[in-house]
C-alpha atoms as a PDB file:
ATOM      1  CA  UNK A   1      58.666   3.631 -27.308  1.00  0.00           C
ATOM      2  CA  UNK A   2      54.949   4.142 -26.735  1.00  0.00           C
ATOM      3  CA  UNK A   3      52.295   3.666 -29.363  1.00  0.00           C
ATOM      4  CA  UNK A   4      49.991   6.624 -29.942  1.00  0.00           C
ATOM      5  CA  UNK A   5      46.404   6.033 -30.891  1.00  0.00           C
ATOM      6  CA  UNK A   6      44.332   8.655 -32.717  1.00  0.00           C
ATOM      7  CA  UNK A   7      41.494  10.390 -30.918  1.00  0.00           C
ATOM      8  CA  UNK A   8      38.256   8.541 -31.656  1.00  0.00           C
ATOM      9  CA  UNK A   9      35.211   9.733 -29.723  1.00  0.00           C
ATOM     10  CA  UNK A  10      32.767   7.079 -28.572  1.00  0.00           C
ATOM     11  CA  UNK A  11      29.007   7.618 -28.793  1.00  0.00           C
ATOM     12  CA  UNK A  12      28.568   8.742 -25.161  1.00  0.00           C
ATOM     13  CA  UNK A  13      27.269  12.306 -24.787  1.00  0.00           C
ATOM     14  CA  UNK A  14      28.434  12.823 -21.189  1.00  0.00           C
ATOM     15  CA  UNK A  15      31.752  13.248 -19.387  1.00  0.00           C
ATOM     16  CA  UNK A  16      33.398   9.897 -18.688  1.00  0.00           C
ATOM     17  CA  UNK A  17      36.770   8.242 -18.194  1.00  0.00           C
ATOM     18  CA  UNK A  18      39.120   8.096 -21.173  1.00  0.00           C
ATOM     19  CA  UNK A  19      39.185   4.649 -22.771  1.00  0.00           C
ATOM     20  CA  UNK A  20      40.128   2.702 -25.890  1.00  0.00           C
ATOM     21  CA  UNK A  21      37.573   2.510 -28.694  1.00  0.00           C
ATOM     22  CA  UNK A  22      37.649  -0.461 -31.022  1.00  0.00           C
ATOM     23  CA  UNK A  23      35.093  -0.964 -33.758  1.00  0.00           C
ATOM     24  CA  UNK A  24      35.084  -3.397 -36.659  1.00  0.00           C
ATOM     25  CA  UNK A  25      34.380  -0.553 -39.123  1.00  0.00           C
ATOM     26  CA  UNK A  26      37.228   1.761 -38.056  1.00  0.00           C
ATOM     27  CA  UNK A  27      40.717   1.734 -36.629  1.00  0.00           C
ATOM     28  CA  UNK A  28      41.209   1.694 -32.872  1.00  0.00           C
ATOM     29  CA  UNK A  29      41.612   4.948 -31.040  1.00  0.00           C
ATOM     30  CA  UNK A  30      41.447   6.604 -27.650  1.00  0.00           C
ATOM     31  CA  UNK A  31      38.249   8.310 -26.500  1.00  0.00           C
ATOM     32  CA  UNK A  32      39.359  11.336 -24.451  1.00  0.00           C
ATOM     33  CA  UNK A  33      36.369  11.157 -22.086  1.00  0.00           C
ATOM     34  CA  UNK A  34      34.141  13.788 -23.665  1.00  0.00           C
ATOM     35  CA  UNK A  35      32.031  13.827 -26.844  1.00  0.00           C
ATOM     36  CA  UNK A  36      33.034  15.235 -30.203  1.00  0.00           C
ATOM     37  CA  UNK A  37      31.808  18.825 -30.666  1.00  0.00           C
ATOM     38  CA  UNK A  38      28.227  18.956 -31.957  1.00  0.00           C
ATOM     39  CA  UNK A  39      25.360  21.460 -32.131  1.00  0.00           C
ATOM     40  CA  UNK A  40      23.497  22.208 -28.880  1.00  0.00           C
ATOM     41  CA  UNK A  41      26.504  21.425 -26.658  1.00  0.00           C
ATOM     42  CA  UNK A  42      27.762  23.851 -23.999  1.00  0.00           C
ATOM     43  CA  UNK A  43      31.539  24.232 -23.515  1.00  0.00           C
ATOM     44  CA  UNK A  44      33.419  26.300 -20.915  1.00  0.00           C
ATOM     45  CA  UNK A  45      36.491  28.314 -21.875  1.00  0.00           C
ATOM     46  CA  UNK A  46      39.498  26.765 -20.082  1.00  0.00           C
ATOM     47  CA  UNK A  47      41.628  29.948 -20.166  1.00  0.00           C
ATOM     48  CA  UNK A  48      43.402  30.201 -16.787  1.00  0.00           C
ATOM     49  CA  UNK A  49      43.354  34.015 -16.974  1.00  0.00           C
ATOM     50  CA  UNK A  50      39.557  33.962 -16.754  1.00  0.00           C
ATOM     51  CA  UNK A  51      39.682  31.781 -13.621  1.00  0.00           C
ATOM     52  CA  UNK A  52      42.249  34.081 -11.951  1.00  0.00           C
ATOM     53  CA  UNK A  53      40.018  37.085 -12.633  1.00  0.00           C
ATOM     54  CA  UNK A  54      36.968  35.256 -11.264  1.00  0.00           C
ATOM     55  CA  UNK A  55      35.309  35.056 -14.660  1.00  0.00           C
ATOM     56  CA  UNK A  56      33.714  32.208 -16.522  1.00  0.00           C
ATOM     57  CA  UNK A  57      32.876  32.010 -20.221  1.00  0.00           C
ATOM     58  CA  UNK A  58      30.505  29.494 -21.766  1.00  0.00           C
ATOM     59  CA  UNK A  59      29.852  28.906 -25.470  1.00  0.00           C
ATOM     60  CA  UNK A  60      26.978  26.998 -27.045  1.00  0.00           C
ATOM     61  CA  UNK A  61      27.591  25.401 -30.434  1.00  0.00           C
ATOM     62  CA  UNK A  62      24.868  26.279 -32.927  1.00  0.00           C
ATOM     63  CA  UNK A  63      26.406  24.886 -36.116  1.00  0.00           C
ATOM     64  CA  UNK A  64      29.451  22.953 -37.329  1.00  0.00           C
ATOM     65  CA  UNK A  65      31.096  23.482 -40.694  1.00  0.00           C
ATOM     66  CA  UNK A  66      34.091  21.504 -41.945  1.00  0.00           C
ATOM     67  CA  UNK A  67      36.731  22.913 -39.567  1.00  0.00           C
ATOM     68  CA  UNK A  68      34.945  25.293 -37.194  1.00  0.00           C
ATOM     69  CA  UNK A  69      32.097  25.428 -34.698  1.00  0.00           C
ATOM     70  CA  UNK A  70      29.794  28.450 -34.821  1.00  0.00           C
ATOM     71  CA  UNK A  71      29.080  29.447 -31.211  1.00  0.00           C
ATOM     72  CA  UNK A  72      27.311  32.058 -29.084  1.00  0.00           C
ATOM     73  CA  UNK A  73      28.132  33.300 -25.590  1.00  0.00           C
ATOM     74  CA  UNK A  74      25.725  31.646 -23.187  1.00  0.00           C
ATOM     75  CA  UNK A  75      25.130  30.783 -19.551  1.00  0.00           C
ATOM     76  CA  UNK A  76      25.836  27.314 -18.128  1.00  0.00           C
ATOM     77  CA  UNK A  77      22.468  25.958 -19.305  1.00  0.00           C
ATOM     78  CA  UNK A  78      22.968  27.135 -22.896  1.00  0.00           C
ATOM     79  CA  UNK A  79      20.722  30.215 -22.935  1.00  0.00           C
ATOM     80  CA  UNK A  80      22.394  32.559 -25.461  1.00  0.00           C
ATOM     81  CA  UNK A  81      23.763  35.754 -23.869  1.00  0.00           C
ATOM     82  CA  UNK A  82      24.491  37.577 -27.131  1.00  0.00           C
ATOM     83  CA  UNK A  83      23.770  37.414 -30.824  1.00  0.00           C
ATOM     84  CA  UNK A  84      27.480  37.587 -31.725  1.00  0.00           C
ATOM     85  CA  UNK A  85      28.743  34.474 -33.498  1.00  0.00           C
ATOM     86  CA  UNK A  86      32.202  33.095 -32.730  1.00  0.00           C
ATOM     87  CA  UNK A  87      33.934  30.651 -35.074  1.00  0.00           C
ATOM     88  CA  UNK A  88      36.170  28.308 -33.076  1.00  0.00           C
ATOM     89  CA  UNK A  89      38.420  25.650 -34.615  1.00  0.00           C
ATOM     90  CA  UNK A  90      37.173  22.159 -33.777  1.00  0.00           C
ATOM     91  CA  UNK A  91      40.581  21.065 -32.480  1.00  0.00           C
ATOM     92  CA  UNK A  92      40.266  23.573 -29.597  1.00  0.00           C
ATOM     93  CA  UNK A  93      37.390  21.623 -28.023  1.00  0.00           C
ATOM     94  CA  UNK A  94      39.599  19.801 -25.524  1.00  0.00           C
ATOM     95  CA  UNK A  95      40.354  20.670 -21.884  1.00  0.00           C
ATOM     96  CA  UNK A  96      43.750  22.357 -22.334  1.00  0.00           C
ATOM     97  CA  UNK A  97      44.781  25.895 -21.330  1.00  0.00           C
ATOM     98  CA  UNK A  98      43.870  27.166 -24.815  1.00  0.00           C
ATOM     99  CA  UNK A  99      40.815  24.971 -25.229  1.00  0.00           C
ATOM    100  CA  UNK A 100      37.330  24.316 -23.910  1.00  0.00           C
ATOM    101  CA  UNK A 101      35.860  21.892 -21.342  1.00  0.00           C
ATOM    102  CA  UNK A 102      32.640  20.012 -22.128  1.00  0.00           C
ATOM    103  CA  UNK A 103      29.735  21.001 -19.848  1.00  0.00           C
ATOM    104  CA  UNK A 104      26.659  19.296 -21.318  1.00  0.00           C
ATOM    105  CA  UNK A 105      23.728  19.665 -23.689  1.00  0.00           C
ATOM    106  CA  UNK A 106      21.915  23.015 -23.837  1.00  0.00           C
ATOM    107  CA  UNK A 107      18.356  23.299 -22.583  1.00  0.00           C
ATOM    108  CA  UNK A 108      17.477  25.765 -25.305  1.00  0.00           C
ATOM    109  CA  UNK A 109      19.435  27.311 -28.156  1.00  0.00           C
ATOM    110  CA  UNK A 110      18.171  30.203 -30.274  1.00  0.00           C
ATOM    111  CA  UNK A 111      16.445  28.711 -33.297  1.00  0.00           C
ATOM    112  CA  UNK A 112      16.121  25.260 -31.659  1.00  0.00           C
ATOM    113  CA  UNK A 113      12.811  23.721 -30.609  1.00  0.00           C
ATOM    114  CA  UNK A 114      12.455  23.803 -26.818  1.00  0.00           C
ATOM    115  CA  UNK A 115      12.107  20.013 -26.618  1.00  0.00           C
ATOM    116  CA  UNK A 116      14.802  19.140 -29.146  1.00  0.00           C
ATOM    117  CA  UNK A 117      17.554  18.369 -26.649  1.00  0.00           C
ATOM    118  CA  UNK A 118      17.599  17.225 -23.032  1.00  0.00           C
ATOM    119  CA  UNK A 119      18.572  19.906 -20.509  1.00  0.00           C
ATOM    120  CA  UNK A 120      21.591  20.135 -18.240  1.00  0.00           C
END
């Protein structure tokens, strides 16, 4: 029987290898190799149907509430492509067929200071 560890993101803001996280303040867990969803991050939709059709969809997170991320369509660098807001459950920000893959930090997000976050 294998022991399962809860997901516990480390403090790294880039893509990296999955690894164990142990801190004196919290229980051990497994970092999946990408950061926890946060404002100003760009995520790519992992839907296989989009790839088959030659399409790509990126979302930039503008705000997080308790269970959802508020996102806009954007290009790979985080420039918003529409004013429509999408609410996406936080548990979908993982690289599965119904989830999202982490891309990086947006260069600019509507309503964000241009120098507030490092670019992709």
